[in-house]
Protein backbone atom coordinates (compact mmCIF):
# COMPACT_ATOMS: atom_id res chain seq x y z
CA UNK A 1 66.47 30.88 84.61
CA UNK A 2 67.34 33.21 87.53
CA UNK A 3 66.73 31.98 91.01
CA UNK A 4 64.13 33.91 92.99
CA UNK A 5 65.61 36.29 95.54
CA UNK A 6 64.73 35.78 99.17
CA UNK A 7 62.56 38.58 100.49
CA UNK A 8 64.41 41.15 102.58
CA UNK A 9 63.72 41.17 106.25
CA UNK A 10 62.41 44.53 107.42
CA UNK A 11 64.87 46.52 109.49
CA UNK A 12 63.35 47.34 112.84
CA UNK A 13 63.08 51.02 113.64
CA UNK A 14 65.69 52.24 116.08
CA UNK A 15 64.22 53.21 119.38
CA UNK A 16 65.40 56.43 120.91
CA UNK A 17 67.50 56.08 124.01
CA UNK A 18 65.45 56.56 127.15
CA UNK A 19 65.77 59.94 128.80
CA UNK A 20 67.34 60.14 132.19
CA UNK A 21 64.70 60.78 134.80
CA UNK A 22 67.09 62.23 137.30
CA UNK A 23 67.47 65.59 135.58
CA UNK A 24 65.49 67.99 133.40
CA UNK A 25 65.88 67.66 129.63
CA UNK A 26 67.88 70.05 127.49
CA UNK A 27 64.67 71.74 126.36
CA UNK A 28 63.64 72.26 129.97
CA UNK A 29 67.05 73.71 130.73
CA UNK A 30 66.79 76.14 127.81
CA UNK A 31 63.31 77.18 128.87
CA UNK A 32 64.54 77.63 132.43
CA UNK A 33 67.32 79.87 131.20
CA UNK A 34 64.90 81.95 129.15
CA UNK A 35 62.55 82.35 132.10
CA UNK A 36 65.39 83.36 134.40
CA UNK A 37 66.58 85.90 131.82
CA UNK A 38 63.08 87.38 131.56
CA UNK A 39 62.84 87.60 135.34
CA UNK A 40 66.14 89.48 135.42
CA UNK A 41 64.98 91.83 132.64
CA UNK A 42 61.71 92.46 134.46
CA UNK A 43 63.61 93.23 137.65
CA UNK A 44 65.84 95.69 135.79
CA UNK A 45 62.88 97.37 134.09
CA UNK A 46 61.05 97.63 137.39
CA UNK A 47 64.05 99.24 139.01
CA UNK A 48 64.36 101.76 136.15
CA UNK A 49 60.67 102.52 135.80
CA UNK A 50 59.82 102.93 139.48
CA UNK A 51 61.99 106.02 140.13
CA UNK A 52 60.35 107.74 137.17
CA UNK A 53 57.06 107.72 139.09
CA UNK A 54 58.36 107.86 142.67
CA UNK A 55 61.52 108.80 144.53
CA UNK A 56 63.87 106.07 145.76
CA UNK A 57 63.87 106.14 149.57
CA UNK A 58 65.88 103.08 150.58
CA UNK A 59 67.80 100.11 149.18
CA UNK A 60 69.22 96.95 150.75
CA UNK A 61 71.11 93.80 149.87
CA UNK A 62 70.76 90.83 152.24
CA UNK A 63 72.50 87.44 152.26
CA UNK A 64 71.52 84.39 154.32
CA UNK A 65 74.01 81.55 154.60
CA UNK A 66 74.59 78.73 157.04
CA UNK A 67 78.34 79.38 156.94
CA UNK A 68 77.73 82.89 158.34
CA UNK A 69 76.57 80.99 161.45
CA UNK A 70 79.98 79.26 161.71
CA UNK A 71 78.79 76.04 160.08
CA UNK A 72 81.85 74.04 158.94
CA UNK A 73 82.37 73.93 155.14
CA UNK A 74 80.87 70.81 153.59
CA UNK A 75 78.05 70.61 156.15
CA UNK A 76 75.50 72.69 154.27
CA UNK A 77 71.98 71.40 154.75
CA UNK A 78 68.33 72.31 154.35
CA UNK A 79 67.94 76.11 154.05
CA UNK A 80 71.52 76.78 153.08
CA UNK A 81 71.46 80.15 151.30
CA UNK A 82 69.27 83.11 150.35
CA UNK A 83 69.77 86.40 148.53
CA UNK A 84 67.44 89.40 148.62
CA UNK A 85 67.59 92.78 146.87
CA UNK A 86 64.95 95.31 147.94
CA UNK A 87 64.25 98.92 146.97
CA UNK A 88 61.65 101.23 148.55
CA UNK A 89 59.97 104.12 146.73
CA UNK A 90 57.34 106.66 147.65
CA UNK A 91 53.91 105.48 146.47
CA UNK A 92 52.48 108.47 144.57
CA UNK A 93 49.05 109.64 145.70
CA UNK A 94 46.41 108.12 143.46
CA UNK A 95 48.58 105.20 142.36
CA UNK A 96 47.07 101.70 142.42
CA UNK A 97 49.12 100.53 145.40
CA UNK A 98 48.42 103.72 147.36
CA UNK A 99 44.68 103.28 146.78
CA UNK A 100 44.90 99.60 147.75
CA UNK A 101 46.75 100.42 150.97
CA UNK A 102 44.29 103.18 151.86
CA UNK A 103 41.31 100.86 151.26
CA UNK A 104 42.93 98.11 153.33
CA UNK A 105 43.49 100.50 156.26
CA UNK A 106 39.96 101.86 156.00
CA UNK A 107 38.06 98.57 155.61
CA UNK A 108 40.20 95.73 157.06
CA UNK A 109 42.85 96.84 159.58
CA UNK A 110 43.27 100.39 160.81
CA UNK A 111 46.59 102.17 160.29
CA UNK A 112 48.27 105.05 162.11
CA UNK A 113 46.89 108.47 161.25
CA UNK A 114 50.24 109.87 160.10
CA UNK A 115 51.27 106.73 158.19
CA UNK A 116 53.42 106.87 155.07
CA UNK A 117 52.91 104.55 152.07
CA UNK A 118 55.86 102.96 150.29
CA UNK A 119 56.25 100.70 147.30
CA UNK A 120 58.89 98.00 147.82
CA UNK A 121 60.22 96.01 144.85
CA UNK A 122 62.39 92.95 145.43
CA UNK A 123 64.32 90.13 143.77
CA UNK A 124 64.51 87.03 145.99
CA UNK A 125 66.19 83.64 145.82
CA UNK A 126 66.27 80.79 148.36
CA UNK A 127 68.27 77.55 148.07
CA UNK A 128 67.67 74.28 149.97
CA UNK A 129 69.74 71.08 149.93
CA UNK A 130 69.85 67.71 151.73
CA UNK A 131 72.12 67.25 154.71
CA UNK A 132 74.60 64.83 153.06
CA UNK A 133 78.00 65.84 151.64
CA UNK A 134 78.02 67.88 148.44
CA UNK A 135 79.74 65.05 146.55
CA UNK A 136 76.71 62.74 146.96
CA UNK A 137 75.04 62.07 143.59
CA UNK A 138 72.32 59.57 144.56
CA UNK A 139 68.76 60.70 145.31
CA UNK A 140 67.91 61.19 148.99
CA UNK A 141 64.30 60.08 149.57
CA UNK A 142 64.66 60.32 153.36
CA UNK A 143 66.07 63.85 153.46
CA UNK A 144 64.95 67.26 152.29
CA UNK A 145 65.17 67.48 148.48
CA UNK A 146 67.23 69.96 146.52
CA UNK A 147 65.02 72.96 145.81
CA UNK A 148 65.29 76.62 144.82
CA UNK A 149 62.82 79.47 144.37
CA UNK A 150 63.40 82.70 142.43
CA UNK A 151 60.79 85.46 142.68
CA UNK A 152 60.04 89.09 141.93
CA UNK A 153 58.16 90.88 144.68
CA UNK A 154 55.92 93.94 144.85
CA UNK A 155 54.84 95.18 148.30
CA UNK A 156 52.61 97.99 149.47
CA UNK A 157 53.87 99.08 152.90
CA UNK A 158 52.06 101.42 155.31
CA UNK A 159 54.44 102.73 158.00
CA UNK A 160 53.34 104.67 161.08
CA UNK A 161 54.75 105.50 164.53
CA UNK A 162 53.32 102.36 166.17
CA UNK A 163 52.21 100.00 163.37
CA UNK A 164 53.51 98.75 160.03
CA UNK A 165 51.42 96.74 157.57
CA UNK A 166 52.59 95.05 154.37
CA UNK A 167 50.57 93.63 151.48
CA UNK A 168 52.83 91.54 149.25
CA UNK A 169 52.80 89.70 145.92
CA UNK A 170 55.47 87.24 144.74
CA UNK A 171 55.73 85.87 141.19
CA UNK A 172 58.45 83.52 139.97
CA UNK A 173 59.49 79.91 139.61
CA UNK A 174 60.62 76.80 141.46
CA UNK A 175 62.93 74.32 139.74
CA UNK A 176 65.74 74.80 137.21
CA UNK A 177 64.52 78.32 136.34
CA UNK A 178 65.28 79.37 139.92
CA UNK A 179 69.03 78.91 139.17
CA UNK A 180 69.81 77.12 142.43
CA UNK A 181 72.55 74.93 140.94
CA UNK A 182 74.56 77.61 139.05
CA UNK A 183 74.32 80.10 141.93
CA UNK A 184 75.36 77.63 144.64
CA UNK A 185 78.17 76.05 142.64
CA UNK A 186 79.34 79.45 141.41
CA UNK A 187 79.77 80.54 145.03
CA UNK A 188 81.56 77.25 145.78
CA UNK A 189 84.01 77.90 142.93
CA UNK A 190 84.76 81.40 144.24
CA UNK A 191 85.38 79.99 147.74
CA UNK A 192 87.46 77.08 146.41
CA UNK A 193 84.96 74.45 147.60
CA UNK A 194 83.72 71.28 145.91
CA UNK A 195 80.59 71.62 143.73
CA UNK A 196 77.24 70.22 144.83
CA UNK A 197 76.45 67.32 142.51
CA UNK A 198 72.88 66.33 143.34
CA UNK A 199 70.89 69.11 141.68
CA UNK A 200 69.56 66.72 139.03
CA UNK A 201 67.19 65.47 141.76
CA UNK A 202 65.71 68.88 142.65
CA UNK A 203 62.01 69.62 143.11
CA UNK A 204 60.24 69.77 139.75
CA UNK A 205 59.51 73.03 137.94
CA UNK A 206 56.38 74.91 139.01
CA UNK A 207 55.25 78.54 139.09
CA UNK A 208 55.24 80.76 142.17
CA UNK A 209 52.19 82.90 142.91
CA UNK A 210 51.98 83.99 146.52
CA UNK A 211 50.07 86.66 148.42
CA UNK A 212 51.02 87.86 151.88
CA UNK A 213 50.05 90.20 154.69
CA UNK A 214 51.93 91.16 157.83
CA UNK A 215 51.33 93.59 160.68
CA UNK A 216 53.95 94.89 163.13
CA UNK A 217 52.94 96.64 166.34
CA UNK A 218 55.36 98.38 168.73
CA UNK A 219 54.65 98.60 172.48
CA UNK A 220 56.38 100.51 175.28
CA UNK A 221 59.79 102.07 175.04
CA UNK A 222 58.91 105.76 175.25
CA UNK A 223 61.56 107.83 173.55
CA UNK A 224 64.67 105.75 172.84
CA UNK A 225 64.16 103.07 175.51
CA UNK A 226 63.73 99.36 174.79
CA UNK A 227 60.45 98.27 173.25
CA UNK A 228 58.65 95.13 172.07
CA UNK A 229 57.43 94.46 168.52
CA UNK A 230 54.70 91.91 167.85
CA UNK A 231 54.33 90.40 164.36
CA UNK A 232 51.33 88.69 162.80
CA UNK A 233 51.61 87.37 159.24
CA UNK A 234 49.80 85.20 156.71
CA UNK A 235 51.11 83.74 153.42
CA UNK A 236 48.80 82.08 150.88
CA UNK A 237 49.63 80.41 147.57
CA UNK A 238 52.67 78.65 146.16
CA UNK A 239 55.21 77.76 147.52
CA UNK A 240 54.10 78.50 151.10
CA UNK A 241 50.76 78.75 152.87
CA UNK A 242 51.22 79.53 156.57
CA UNK A 243 50.34 81.77 159.51
CA UNK A 244 53.00 83.23 161.81
CA UNK A 245 53.12 84.95 165.19
CA UNK A 246 56.26 86.44 166.72
CA UNK A 247 57.66 88.87 169.29
CA UNK A 248 60.94 90.82 169.32
CA UNK A 249 62.75 92.98 171.87
CA UNK A 250 64.71 96.01 170.57
CA UNK A 251 67.23 98.05 172.56
CA UNK A 252 69.79 100.77 171.90
CA UNK A 253 69.27 103.59 169.38
CA UNK A 254 66.40 101.74 167.74
CA UNK A 255 64.15 102.92 164.87
CA UNK A 256 61.20 105.13 165.80
CA UNK A 257 58.63 102.79 164.19
CA UNK A 258 58.19 99.00 164.33
CA UNK A 259 60.62 96.85 162.33
CA UNK A 260 61.39 93.14 161.85
CA UNK A 261 64.22 91.32 160.06
CA UNK A 262 63.40 91.70 156.37
CA UNK A 263 60.83 94.44 157.11
CA UNK A 264 62.95 97.51 157.82
CA UNK A 265 62.98 99.64 154.65
CA UNK A 266 61.25 102.98 155.17
CA UNK A 267 61.74 103.09 158.96
CA UNK A 268 63.46 106.11 160.49
CA UNK A 269 66.71 104.82 161.98
CA UNK A 270 68.92 107.16 164.07
CA UNK A 271 72.71 107.08 163.94
CA UNK A 272 74.45 104.56 166.18
CA UNK A 273 73.55 100.96 166.88
CA UNK A 274 70.69 98.90 168.23
CA UNK A 275 70.18 95.24 169.03
CA UNK A 276 67.24 92.89 168.71
CA UNK A 277 66.23 89.39 169.80
CA UNK A 278 63.03 87.50 169.08
CA UNK A 279 60.98 84.35 168.65
CA UNK A 280 58.52 83.32 165.95
CA UNK A 281 56.19 80.34 165.52
CA UNK A 282 54.52 79.22 162.28
CA UNK A 283 51.60 76.94 161.43
CA UNK A 284 52.27 75.57 157.93
CA UNK A 285 49.59 74.18 155.63
CA UNK A 286 51.81 73.85 152.52
CA UNK A 287 55.45 74.18 151.52
CA UNK A 288 56.12 73.18 147.91
CA UNK A 289 59.87 73.20 148.54
CA UNK A 290 59.29 70.18 150.82
CA UNK A 291 55.97 68.78 149.52
CA UNK A 292 56.84 69.12 145.82
CA UNK A 293 57.76 66.10 143.67
CA UNK A 294 61.48 65.83 142.88
CA UNK A 295 62.85 64.71 139.51
CA UNK A 296 63.40 60.95 139.29
CA UNK A 297 62.33 59.61 142.68
CA UNK A 298 59.60 59.72 145.33
CA UNK A 299 60.36 61.63 148.53
CA UNK A 300 59.56 59.83 151.79
CA UNK A 301 59.70 62.80 154.16
CA UNK A 302 56.71 64.64 155.60
CA UNK A 303 56.39 68.35 156.26
CA UNK A 304 55.99 69.31 159.90
CA UNK A 305 52.75 71.27 160.54
CA UNK A 306 54.47 73.61 163.01
CA UNK A 307 57.89 75.29 163.01
CA UNK A 308 59.71 77.86 165.11
CA UNK A 309 62.69 80.20 165.01
CA UNK A 310 64.77 82.19 167.50
CA UNK A 311 67.08 85.02 166.43
CA UNK A 312 69.40 87.70 167.76
CA UNK A 313 71.17 90.48 165.90
CA UNK A 314 72.64 93.97 165.82
CA UNK A 315 72.40 96.91 163.39
CA UNK A 316 75.18 99.50 163.02
CA UNK A 317 75.02 102.97 161.49
CA UNK A 318 78.17 102.25 159.50
CA UNK A 319 78.73 105.60 157.79
CA UNK A 320 76.63 108.45 156.38
CA UNK A 321 73.27 106.93 155.33
CA UNK A 322 74.48 103.31 155.29
CA UNK A 323 73.76 100.60 157.86
CA UNK A 324 75.25 97.15 158.37
CA UNK A 325 73.19 94.36 159.97
CA UNK A 326 74.26 90.97 161.30
CA UNK A 327 72.05 88.33 162.90
CA UNK A 328 72.06 84.66 163.86
CA UNK A 329 68.95 82.46 163.78
CA UNK A 330 68.10 78.98 164.98
CA UNK A 331 65.36 77.18 162.97
CA UNK A 332 63.53 74.02 163.96
CA UNK A 333 63.66 71.09 161.53
CA UNK A 334 60.73 71.62 159.11
CA UNK A 335 60.23 67.97 158.13
CA UNK A 336 60.10 64.45 159.59
CA UNK A 337 61.95 61.47 158.12
CA UNK A 338 61.17 57.79 158.80
CA UNK A 339 64.84 56.85 159.23
CA UNK A 340 66.26 59.99 160.85
CA UNK A 341 66.23 60.45 164.63
CA UNK A 342 63.07 62.07 165.92
CA UNK A 343 65.11 64.90 167.45
CA UNK A 344 67.31 66.23 164.67
CA UNK A 345 69.34 69.27 165.64
CA UNK A 346 67.91 72.70 164.75
CA UNK A 347 69.63 74.55 161.93
CA UNK A 348 71.78 77.66 162.35
CA UNK A 349 71.70 80.41 159.73
CA UNK A 350 73.52 83.75 159.61
CA UNK A 351 72.37 86.94 157.88
CA UNK A 352 74.42 89.91 156.68
CA UNK A 353 72.64 92.98 155.30
CA UNK A 354 73.82 96.31 153.87
CA UNK A 355 71.19 99.06 153.72
CA UNK A 356 71.15 102.61 152.29
CA UNK A 357 68.44 104.65 153.96
CA UNK A 358 68.93 108.43 154.13
CA UNK A 359 67.32 110.41 156.95
CA UNK A 360 64.22 112.38 156.03
């Protein structure tokens, strides 16, 4: 007689290995890549489609970088880099943006009688990092988190002899889809610098939907003399909700209408050079690039409710219809940390811009 077999013990199911919380998953990375690709395709389509309906009037490429302000390599921190591509087109009469601008000028804020209406399309990226060396891999709860934003912009701009108003819309993404890590480390490879290793701790993915309005007003400076430009601006949405007020002095062979750094396309600029220097203050209700939750840890910093900037720069009529701009800016620290000194040094940032803007 055969002996009874002992019952088999059930084999416990194998648990999947826990996912690392310090970085997005492979699926998230793939989705980020797809979103970034679609943003690039949309930007290309917008650039191709816009001239079919309106004539291209101006184009510029602008780079912000802390190393342009003579920051030593390896000391990148906070707002470390930005890239902006902008193109201005005539807004055809009867188009949606032309009607919107006309209604705004009629109902909300008056515009100059002989104002021109432009459509400005843009592709924008900003990159932010903590202040520790690039080789640091641990999370930094007491410093600004890694963060990047990538957006497409559509502006309706009304330009007159003494005022300039802009209504803006930004759509895009924060997080891996903003391509902060590959762009920053790609630049580091080109420059022969060490890669930044902490991007796994960046601010979590979220959409960008932001509306904005700004008004520039020029005072004094009859003819080609020095003048003063005042700027009032409001941003609402994600990532930033804030109000800003600034003033700038311009001198030299300056444009005939009001301008501001980043708000120059469409202005009539004579040959030669002009300089500018200004101040701006901001009251900030939200900044998702500081307030947002990072991957894998809890940030201990707090956004400052007020911030300020000072800047100085020069614009050259380089050749034919091309201009070259260079400026330096000093930004106050936009956050407070419980372990950092209460008086952290302001940040320097440099800007180089190349602009094609033929005379009309």
